[in-house]
C-alpha atoms as a PDB file:
ATOM      1  CA  UNK A   1     -36.289  12.386  99.279  1.00  0.00           C
ATOM      2  CA  UNK A   2     -34.182   9.977  97.109  1.00  0.00           C
ATOM      3  CA  UNK A   3     -30.655  10.425  96.651  1.00  0.00           C
ATOM      4  CA  UNK A   4     -28.170   9.008  93.924  1.00  0.00           C
ATOM      5  CA  UNK A   5     -24.713   7.864  94.600  1.00  0.00           C
ATOM      6  CA  UNK A   6     -22.378   8.301  91.584  1.00  0.00           C
ATOM      7  CA  UNK A   7     -19.113   6.311  91.525  1.00  0.00           C
ATOM      8  CA  UNK A   8     -16.285   6.957  89.072  1.00  0.00           C
ATOM      9  CA  UNK A   9     -13.791   3.998  89.536  1.00  0.00           C
ATOM     10  CA  UNK A  10     -10.486   3.349  87.900  1.00  0.00           C
ATOM     11  CA  UNK A  11      -9.710  -0.354  88.258  1.00  0.00           C
ATOM     12  CA  UNK A  12      -6.108  -1.479  88.505  1.00  0.00           C
ATOM     13  CA  UNK A  13      -6.485  -4.997  89.645  1.00  0.00           C
ATOM     14  CA  UNK A  14      -9.345  -6.862  87.825  1.00  0.00           C
ATOM     15  CA  UNK A  15      -8.941 -10.114  89.919  1.00  0.00           C
ATOM     16  CA  UNK A  16      -9.097  -8.440  93.207  1.00  0.00           C
ATOM     17  CA  UNK A  17     -12.180  -6.259  91.953  1.00  0.00           C
ATOM     18  CA  UNK A  18     -13.702  -9.332  90.777  1.00  0.00           C
ATOM     19  CA  UNK A  19     -13.956 -10.566  94.417  1.00  0.00           C
ATOM     20  CA  UNK A  20     -15.829  -7.381  95.274  1.00  0.00           C
ATOM     21  CA  UNK A  21     -18.240  -7.750  92.293  1.00  0.00           C
ATOM     22  CA  UNK A  22     -18.907 -11.519  93.438  1.00  0.00           C
ATOM     23  CA  UNK A  23     -20.087 -10.315  96.850  1.00  0.00           C
ATOM     24  CA  UNK A  24     -21.651  -6.897  95.796  1.00  0.00           C
ATOM     25  CA  UNK A  25     -25.202  -7.835  94.844  1.00  0.00           C
ATOM     26  CA  UNK A  26     -25.949 -10.240  97.729  1.00  0.00           C
ATOM     27  CA  UNK A  27     -24.993  -7.537 100.243  1.00  0.00           C
ATOM     28  CA  UNK A  28     -26.742  -4.707  98.088  1.00  0.00           C
ATOM     29  CA  UNK A  29     -29.992  -6.694  98.205  1.00  0.00           C
ATOM     30  CA  UNK A  30     -30.190  -6.362 102.066  1.00  0.00           C
ATOM     31  CA  UNK A  31     -30.834  -2.640 101.664  1.00  0.00           C
ATOM     32  CA  UNK A  32     -33.306  -0.371  99.852  1.00  0.00           C
ATOM     33  CA  UNK A  33     -31.090   0.601  97.050  1.00  0.00           C
ATOM     34  CA  UNK A  34     -31.731   0.220  93.226  1.00  0.00           C
ATOM     35  CA  UNK A  35     -28.678  -0.169  91.132  1.00  0.00           C
ATOM     36  CA  UNK A  36     -29.494   1.970  88.021  1.00  0.00           C
ATOM     37  CA  UNK A  37     -26.504   1.821  85.895  1.00  0.00           C
ATOM     38  CA  UNK A  38     -22.978   0.151  85.608  1.00  0.00           C
ATOM     39  CA  UNK A  39     -20.880   1.025  82.552  1.00  0.00           C
ATOM     40  CA  UNK A  40     -17.258   0.506  81.491  1.00  0.00           C
ATOM     41  CA  UNK A  41     -17.934   2.234  78.277  1.00  0.00           C
ATOM     42  CA  UNK A  42     -20.129   5.416  79.078  1.00  0.00           C
ATOM     43  CA  UNK A  43     -20.864   7.733  76.077  1.00  0.00           C
ATOM     44  CA  UNK A  44     -18.858  11.039  76.904  1.00  0.00           C
ATOM     45  CA  UNK A  45     -20.708  13.866  75.874  1.00  0.00           C
ATOM     46  CA  UNK A  46     -18.360  16.425  76.737  1.00  0.00           C
ATOM     47  CA  UNK A  47     -14.869  16.571  78.457  1.00  0.00           C
ATOM     48  CA  UNK A  48     -12.724  13.508  79.468  1.00  0.00           C
ATOM     49  CA  UNK A  49     -13.766  10.403  81.335  1.00  0.00           C
ATOM     50  CA  UNK A  50     -10.677   8.689  82.307  1.00  0.00           C
ATOM     51  CA  UNK A  51     -12.384   6.064  84.745  1.00  0.00           C
ATOM     52  CA  UNK A  52     -12.888   2.366  83.833  1.00  0.00           C
ATOM     53  CA  UNK A  53     -16.216   1.891  85.611  1.00  0.00           C
ATOM     54  CA  UNK A  54     -19.132   4.241  86.279  1.00  0.00           C
ATOM     55  CA  UNK A  55     -22.057   3.344  88.816  1.00  0.00           C
ATOM     56  CA  UNK A  56     -25.270   5.044  89.432  1.00  0.00           C
ATOM     57  CA  UNK A  57     -27.296   3.875  92.558  1.00  0.00           C
ATOM     58  CA  UNK A  58     -30.540   5.262  93.917  1.00  0.00           C
ATOM     59  CA  UNK A  59     -31.641   5.068  97.440  1.00  0.00           C
ATOM     60  CA  UNK A  60     -34.773   6.343  98.947  1.00  0.00           C
ATOM     61  CA  UNK A  61     -33.102   8.440 101.484  1.00  0.00           C
ATOM     62  CA  UNK A  62     -29.478   9.533 102.543  1.00  0.00           C
ATOM     63  CA  UNK A  63     -30.048   7.501 105.755  1.00  0.00           C
ATOM     64  CA  UNK A  64     -30.549   4.348 103.875  1.00  0.00           C
ATOM     65  CA  UNK A  65     -27.560   5.143 101.499  1.00  0.00           C
ATOM     66  CA  UNK A  66     -25.321   5.644 104.698  1.00  0.00           C
ATOM     67  CA  UNK A  67     -26.758   2.561 106.333  1.00  0.00           C
ATOM     68  CA  UNK A  68     -25.684   0.489 103.379  1.00  0.00           C
ATOM     69  CA  UNK A  69     -22.325   2.120 102.839  1.00  0.00           C
ATOM     70  CA  UNK A  70     -21.281   2.043 106.598  1.00  0.00           C
ATOM     71  CA  UNK A  71     -22.652  -1.613 107.127  1.00  0.00           C
ATOM     72  CA  UNK A  72     -20.243  -4.297 108.333  1.00  0.00           C
ATOM     73  CA  UNK A  73     -21.221  -6.555 105.384  1.00  0.00           C
ATOM     74  CA  UNK A  74     -20.575  -3.638 102.734  1.00  0.00           C
ATOM     75  CA  UNK A  75     -17.269  -2.720 104.479  1.00  0.00           C
ATOM     76  CA  UNK A  76     -16.164  -6.106 104.506  1.00  0.00           C
ATOM     77  CA  UNK A  77     -16.457  -6.523 100.688  1.00  0.00           C
ATOM     78  CA  UNK A  78     -15.392  -2.774 100.054  1.00  0.00           C
ATOM     79  CA  UNK A  79     -11.879  -3.727 101.222  1.00  0.00           C
ATOM     80  CA  UNK A  80     -11.403  -5.689  97.842  1.00  0.00           C
ATOM     81  CA  UNK A  81     -12.621  -2.504  95.904  1.00  0.00           C
ATOM     82  CA  UNK A  82     -10.347  -0.330  97.614  1.00  0.00           C
ATOM     83  CA  UNK A  83      -7.315  -2.561  97.219  1.00  0.00           C
ATOM     84  CA  UNK A  84      -8.146  -3.085  93.462  1.00  0.00           C
ATOM     85  CA  UNK A  85      -9.155   0.457  92.507  1.00  0.00           C
ATOM     86  CA  UNK A  86      -9.187   4.220  93.054  1.00  0.00           C
ATOM     87  CA  UNK A  87     -12.357   6.186  92.720  1.00  0.00           C
ATOM     88  CA  UNK A  88     -14.668   8.971  93.676  1.00  0.00           C
ATOM     89  CA  UNK A  89     -18.018   8.499  95.027  1.00  0.00           C
ATOM     90  CA  UNK A  90     -20.517  11.350  95.649  1.00  0.00           C
ATOM     91  CA  UNK A  91     -24.130  11.427  97.035  1.00  0.00           C
ATOM     92  CA  UNK A  92     -26.531  13.985  95.331  1.00  0.00           C
ATOM     93  CA  UNK A  93     -30.078  14.769  96.244  1.00  0.00           C
ATOM     94  CA  UNK A  94     -32.901  14.206  93.864  1.00  0.00           C
ATOM     95  CA  UNK A  95     -33.701  17.398  91.978  1.00  0.00           C
ATOM     96  CA  UNK A  96     -37.355  18.712  92.882  1.00  0.00           C
ATOM     97  CA  UNK A  97     -38.141  21.987  91.171  1.00  0.00           C
ATOM     98  CA  UNK A  98     -39.916  24.413  93.568  1.00  0.00           C
END
């Protein structure tokens, strides 16, 4: 079953975050994920959205999402994201009606 990662990120150091961005796609391509959306100006339909970046990623399974996230390659570049921003990342299962 597919899973989706939703990241809400507030960037406070663009230069450091740029280092993360520069290495992201090369690392991401080594895994079975699909980058579905990246937006710094989402259309807020309800409530407040104080984050400066929103990301939506699909993986074919929770195991593959964890394999990417915990990989040494991703963790090496993630250190730049962690220094440059704060955020929330959640993994949700694909909806399948009964």
